[in-house]
C-alpha cells in the first residue's frame, strides 16, 4: 500500500480525514467504462489512484512491468481473450495484488470461480462509485466484501463450505476448536495479523450467507454445522477423539 495520503470528502461534501493512498488497476475490455471510472474515482477520493487499465490480465502485467503491484485490481469476469476467472485471479494474486470482481451480473458461476480462487468480493458495475471506493478499501485491508452479489455467487455451490478456501477452512478448524489466533498463526506458519485477516474473511463470508458468526462460539457452531468440526458429545455419550474445546472470546 502506498504511504502517501489524500483527502477524502465526506458524503455531505465536507473535508474528511486524510486516508492512505491506494494504487488501483482495472481489467476490462470496455474503454468507456474504464475512462468513466477513472474520472469518478478522482472526483470522489484523490487517495484512490487508478494507475493502470487494460483489456486483459497479460496486458496489465506488460504495462506494470518493473513497477510495484497495484494494491487492488478491479477484474471483469468475461474478457476478450480465452482466460478464465480463476486463472486471472491466480495471476493477479501471484503478482502481489488483491482482487475485487466487477461485473454486470448474472454471472454467478464465474463469480464463484473467482471467489474460490481468492477474489475478495463481487460488485455490480451499476453500483455507485462511493460504494466501489469503500469496497476497494475493504479489500485492501484484507476483508471480504459482503454484498448481495457475493452472496449470490457463493450460493451457486451446494457444498456447505465451498465458500471457504482450504486455508480458511483450516483456520476455522483450529480457531473454532479452541486455539488462540497467535497459536493458529504458529501452526500455519503465518503472521498473527495474517491469521486475523483470515478470520475476518471467514466471518464476512458467513455474514454474506446470512449465517453471521461474530464470536468464537458462533464460529464453532458454524464449523459443526458445516462438518469442519465434530460436535461435542452429549453427557454420558462415548467420547470422540480428543479435540480442543472452544473457549469464550476475550
Protein backbone atom coordinates (compact mmCIF):
# COMPACT_ATOMS: atom_id res chain seq x y z
CA UNK A 1 0.00 0.00 0.00
CA UNK A 2 1.27 3.45 -0.82
CA UNK A 3 2.48 5.64 2.01
CA UNK A 4 1.21 8.99 0.79
CA UNK A 5 -2.24 10.22 1.68
CA UNK A 6 -5.07 12.03 0.00
CA UNK A 7 -8.07 13.94 1.23
CA UNK A 8 -11.37 12.12 1.22
CA UNK A 9 -14.56 14.18 1.08
CA UNK A 10 -17.35 13.04 3.34
CA UNK A 11 -20.81 12.21 1.99
CA UNK A 12 -22.00 15.73 2.83
CA UNK A 13 -19.21 17.30 0.77
CA UNK A 14 -17.16 18.35 3.77
CA UNK A 15 -13.50 17.51 4.07
CA UNK A 16 -12.89 14.18 5.71
CA UNK A 17 -9.77 12.80 7.33
CA UNK A 18 -6.69 12.04 5.30
CA UNK A 19 -6.82 8.47 4.05
CA UNK A 20 -4.00 6.15 2.92
CA UNK A 21 -3.22 6.27 -0.78
CA UNK A 22 -4.20 3.13 -2.70
CA UNK A 23 -2.90 2.13 -6.12
CA UNK A 24 -5.77 0.66 -8.14
CA UNK A 25 -5.80 -1.08 -11.52
CA UNK A 26 -8.75 -2.26 -13.60
CA UNK A 27 -9.02 -5.04 -16.17
CA UNK A 28 -11.98 -4.61 -18.51
CA UNK A 29 -12.42 -4.59 -22.28
CA UNK A 30 -14.83 -1.63 -22.27
CA UNK A 31 -12.70 1.55 -22.66
CA UNK A 32 -15.61 3.92 -21.98
CA UNK A 33 -16.33 2.27 -18.64
CA UNK A 34 -12.67 2.50 -17.64
CA UNK A 35 -12.48 6.17 -18.60
CA UNK A 36 -15.59 6.95 -16.58
CA UNK A 37 -14.31 5.01 -13.59
CA UNK A 38 -11.01 6.89 -13.63
CA UNK A 39 -12.79 10.24 -13.72
CA UNK A 40 -15.31 9.42 -10.99
CA UNK A 41 -12.76 7.93 -8.60
CA UNK A 42 -10.57 11.02 -8.98
CA UNK A 43 -13.54 13.26 -8.18
CA UNK A 44 -14.59 11.20 -5.19
CA UNK A 45 -11.29 10.46 -3.46
CA UNK A 46 -7.89 11.58 -4.70
CA UNK A 47 -6.22 8.95 -2.50
CA UNK A 48 -7.60 6.24 -4.81
CA UNK A 49 -5.27 6.36 -7.80
CA UNK A 50 -6.09 4.34 -10.91
CA UNK A 51 -2.56 3.61 -12.05
CA UNK A 52 -3.35 1.31 -14.99
CA UNK A 53 -6.18 -0.13 -17.07
CA UNK A 54 -6.03 -2.98 -19.55
CA UNK A 55 -8.33 -5.24 -21.58
CA UNK A 56 -6.68 -8.45 -20.28
CA UNK A 57 -4.56 -9.54 -17.34
CA UNK A 58 -1.45 -10.23 -19.50
CA UNK A 59 -1.78 -6.72 -20.97
CA UNK A 60 -1.90 -5.30 -17.45
CA UNK A 61 1.23 -7.23 -16.50
CA UNK A 62 3.07 -5.79 -19.50
CA UNK A 63 2.03 -2.24 -18.56
CA UNK A 64 3.17 -2.68 -14.98
CA UNK A 65 6.43 -4.47 -15.69
CA UNK A 66 9.04 -3.21 -13.25
CA UNK A 67 6.51 -1.21 -11.20
CA UNK A 68 5.06 -2.11 -7.80
CA UNK A 69 1.92 -4.24 -7.99
CA UNK A 70 -1.36 -2.34 -7.51
CA UNK A 71 -2.92 -2.74 -4.08
CA UNK A 72 -6.22 -3.88 -5.61
CA UNK A 73 -7.28 -4.87 -9.12
CA UNK A 74 -10.87 -4.50 -10.30
CA UNK A 75 -11.42 -7.53 -12.54
CA UNK A 76 -14.18 -8.07 -15.07
CA UNK A 77 -15.18 -11.72 -15.29
CA UNK A 78 -15.60 -12.08 -19.03
CA UNK A 79 -12.74 -10.72 -21.08
CA UNK A 80 -11.99 -10.81 -24.78
CA UNK A 81 -9.27 -13.44 -24.54
CA UNK A 82 -9.59 -17.12 -23.66
CA UNK A 83 -8.81 -16.57 -19.98
CA UNK A 84 -10.80 -17.95 -17.06
CA UNK A 85 -11.77 -16.09 -13.87
CA UNK A 86 -9.74 -18.50 -11.74
CA UNK A 87 -6.66 -18.13 -13.93
CA UNK A 88 -6.89 -14.35 -13.94
CA UNK A 89 -7.34 -14.14 -10.18
CA UNK A 90 -4.43 -16.51 -9.58
CA UNK A 91 -2.15 -14.46 -11.83
CA UNK A 92 -3.05 -11.20 -10.08
CA UNK A 93 -2.59 -12.69 -6.62
CA UNK A 94 0.78 -14.11 -7.60
CA UNK A 95 1.81 -10.65 -8.83
CA UNK A 96 1.01 -9.23 -5.38
CA UNK A 97 -2.41 -7.60 -5.84
CA UNK A 98 -5.70 -8.27 -4.13
CA UNK A 99 -8.73 -8.76 -6.39
CA UNK A 100 -12.27 -7.36 -6.43
CA UNK A 101 -14.61 -8.70 -9.12
CA UNK A 102 -16.51 -6.01 -11.03
CA UNK A 103 -19.29 -7.48 -13.16
CA UNK A 104 -22.53 -6.77 -15.00
CA UNK A 105 -24.26 -9.52 -13.04
CA UNK A 106 -25.95 -12.83 -13.87
CA UNK A 107 -22.51 -14.46 -13.91
CA UNK A 108 -22.79 -16.31 -10.61
CA UNK A 109 -20.86 -19.43 -11.64
CA UNK A 110 -17.94 -17.36 -12.94
CA UNK A 111 -18.05 -15.17 -9.83
CA UNK A 112 -17.95 -18.25 -7.60
CA UNK A 113 -14.91 -19.50 -9.55
CA UNK A 114 -13.18 -16.17 -8.94
CA UNK A 115 -14.03 -16.20 -5.22
CA UNK A 116 -12.76 -19.74 -4.80
CA UNK A 117 -9.52 -18.68 -6.49
CA UNK A 118 -9.03 -15.88 -3.95
CA UNK A 119 -11.03 -12.82 -5.05
CA UNK A 120 -12.39 -10.94 -2.04
CA UNK A 121 -15.82 -9.95 -3.28
CA UNK A 122 -18.15 -9.19 -6.17
CA UNK A 123 -19.71 -5.85 -7.09
CA UNK A 124 -22.08 -4.95 -9.91
CA UNK A 125 -20.91 -2.24 -12.31
CA UNK A 126 -24.06 -0.20 -11.68
CA UNK A 127 -23.16 0.39 -8.02
CA UNK A 128 -22.40 3.99 -7.00
CA UNK A 129 -18.73 4.91 -7.22
CA UNK A 130 -18.75 5.65 -3.48
CA UNK A 131 -19.69 2.00 -2.90
CA UNK A 132 -16.88 0.89 -5.22
CA UNK A 133 -14.41 3.09 -3.34
CA UNK A 134 -15.35 1.67 0.05
CA UNK A 135 -15.17 -1.86 -1.35
CA UNK A 136 -11.68 -1.18 -2.70
CA UNK A 137 -10.52 -0.02 0.72
CA UNK A 138 -12.10 -3.05 2.41
CA UNK A 139 -10.32 -5.40 0.02
CA UNK A 140 -7.02 -3.56 0.54
CA UNK A 141 -7.48 -4.09 4.29
CA UNK A 142 -7.84 -7.84 3.72
CA UNK A 143 -11.60 -8.04 4.19
CA UNK A 144 -14.14 -9.82 2.03
CA UNK A 145 -16.77 -7.51 0.52
CA UNK A 146 -20.18 -8.52 1.84
CA UNK A 147 -22.66 -7.80 -0.93
CA UNK A 148 -25.74 -9.34 -2.48
CA UNK A 149 -23.62 -10.24 -5.49
CA UNK A 150 -21.03 -12.04 -3.35
CA UNK A 151 -23.77 -13.96 -1.53
CA UNK A 152 -25.49 -14.93 -4.79
CA UNK A 153 -22.23 -16.28 -6.16
CA UNK A 154 -21.49 -18.28 -3.02
CA UNK A 155 -24.95 -19.86 -3.06
CA UNK A 156 -24.35 -21.36 -6.50
CA UNK A 157 -22.34 -24.20 -4.98
CA UNK A 158 -24.34 -26.67 -2.90
CA UNK A 159 -21.45 -27.79 -0.69
CA UNK A 160 -21.64 -26.09 2.68
CA UNK A 161 -18.04 -24.94 2.98
CA UNK A 162 -17.28 -24.28 -0.66
CA UNK A 163 -17.23 -20.58 0.23
CA UNK A 164 -14.09 -21.19 2.29
CA UNK A 165 -10.68 -21.69 0.76
CA UNK A 166 -8.67 -24.67 2.08
CA UNK A 167 -6.57 -22.31 4.21
CA UNK A 168 -9.68 -20.55 5.57
CA UNK A 169 -11.22 -23.92 6.42
CA UNK A 170 -8.05 -24.88 8.31
CA UNK A 171 -8.04 -21.57 10.21
CA UNK A 172 -11.71 -22.12 11.13
CA UNK A 173 -10.98 -25.64 12.35
CA UNK A 174 -8.11 -24.53 14.58
CA UNK A 175 -9.60 -21.31 15.91
CA UNK A 176 -13.15 -22.57 16.44
CA UNK A 177 -11.63 -25.68 18.02
CA UNK A 178 -10.06 -23.60 20.78
CA UNK A 179 -6.71 -22.26 19.58
CA UNK A 180 -5.95 -18.55 20.09
CA UNK A 181 -5.10 -16.61 16.94
CA UNK A 182 -1.38 -16.49 17.76
CA UNK A 183 -1.26 -20.30 18.03
CA UNK A 184 -3.17 -20.67 14.76
CA UNK A 185 -0.58 -18.42 13.14
CA UNK A 186 2.31 -20.50 14.51
CA UNK A 187 0.69 -23.77 13.40
CA UNK A 188 0.18 -22.49 9.85
CA UNK A 189 3.50 -20.64 9.61
CA UNK A 190 1.95 -17.22 9.04
CA UNK A 191 1.96 -13.95 11.00
CA UNK A 192 -0.68 -13.28 13.64
CA UNK A 193 -2.01 -10.42 11.51
CA UNK A 194 -2.44 -12.82 8.58
CA UNK A 195 -4.32 -15.27 10.80
CA UNK A 196 -6.60 -12.44 11.98
CA UNK A 197 -7.14 -11.43 8.34
CA UNK A 198 -8.30 -14.97 7.55
CA UNK A 199 -10.73 -14.81 10.48
CA UNK A 200 -12.15 -11.51 9.18
CA UNK A 201 -12.67 -13.07 5.77
CA UNK A 202 -14.33 -16.17 7.26
CA UNK A 203 -16.72 -14.03 9.30
CA UNK A 204 -17.50 -11.84 6.28
CA UNK A 205 -18.29 -14.88 4.14
CA UNK A 206 -20.65 -16.31 6.75
CA UNK A 207 -22.33 -12.90 7.07
CA UNK A 208 -22.79 -12.80 3.28
CA UNK A 209 -24.65 -16.12 3.56
CA UNK A 210 -26.90 -14.74 6.32
CA UNK A 211 -25.16 -17.04 8.80
CA UNK A 212 -23.34 -14.49 10.98
CA UNK A 213 -20.55 -15.70 13.27
CA UNK A 214 -19.24 -12.78 15.28
CA UNK A 215 -17.87 -14.70 18.28
CA UNK A 216 -15.71 -17.77 18.68
CA UNK A 217 -18.69 -19.79 19.92
CA UNK A 218 -20.72 -18.78 16.85
CA UNK A 219 -17.80 -19.81 14.62
CA UNK A 220 -17.73 -23.12 16.47
CA UNK A 221 -21.44 -23.65 15.71
CA UNK A 222 -20.90 -22.86 12.02
CA UNK A 223 -17.92 -25.24 11.94
CA UNK A 224 -20.07 -28.02 13.42
CA UNK A 225 -22.97 -27.25 11.06
CA UNK A 226 -20.61 -27.42 8.06
CA UNK A 227 -18.79 -30.56 9.14
CA UNK A 228 -15.47 -28.82 9.83
CA UNK A 229 -15.60 -29.90 13.50
CA UNK A 230 -17.33 -32.82 15.17
CA UNK A 231 -19.94 -31.78 17.75
CA UNK A 232 -19.12 -32.21 21.43
CA UNK A 233 -20.73 -35.38 22.80
CA UNK A 234 -23.88 -35.29 24.91
CA UNK A 235 -23.44 -36.05 28.63
CA UNK A 236 -22.92 -39.78 29.12
CA UNK A 237 -22.21 -40.46 25.46
CA UNK A 238 -18.95 -42.15 24.39
CA UNK A 239 -16.24 -39.55 23.94
CA UNK A 240 -14.96 -38.91 20.40
CA UNK A 241 -11.23 -38.44 19.69
CA UNK A 242 -9.86 -35.61 21.81
CA UNK A 243 -10.30 -32.19 20.25
CA UNK A 244 -9.78 -28.78 21.93
CA UNK A 245 -13.00 -27.28 23.23
CA UNK A 246 -13.92 -23.77 22.05
CA UNK A 247 -13.12 -21.04 24.52
CA UNK A 248 -15.11 -17.88 25.05
CA UNK A 249 -13.84 -14.76 23.33
CA UNK A 250 -11.79 -12.35 25.43
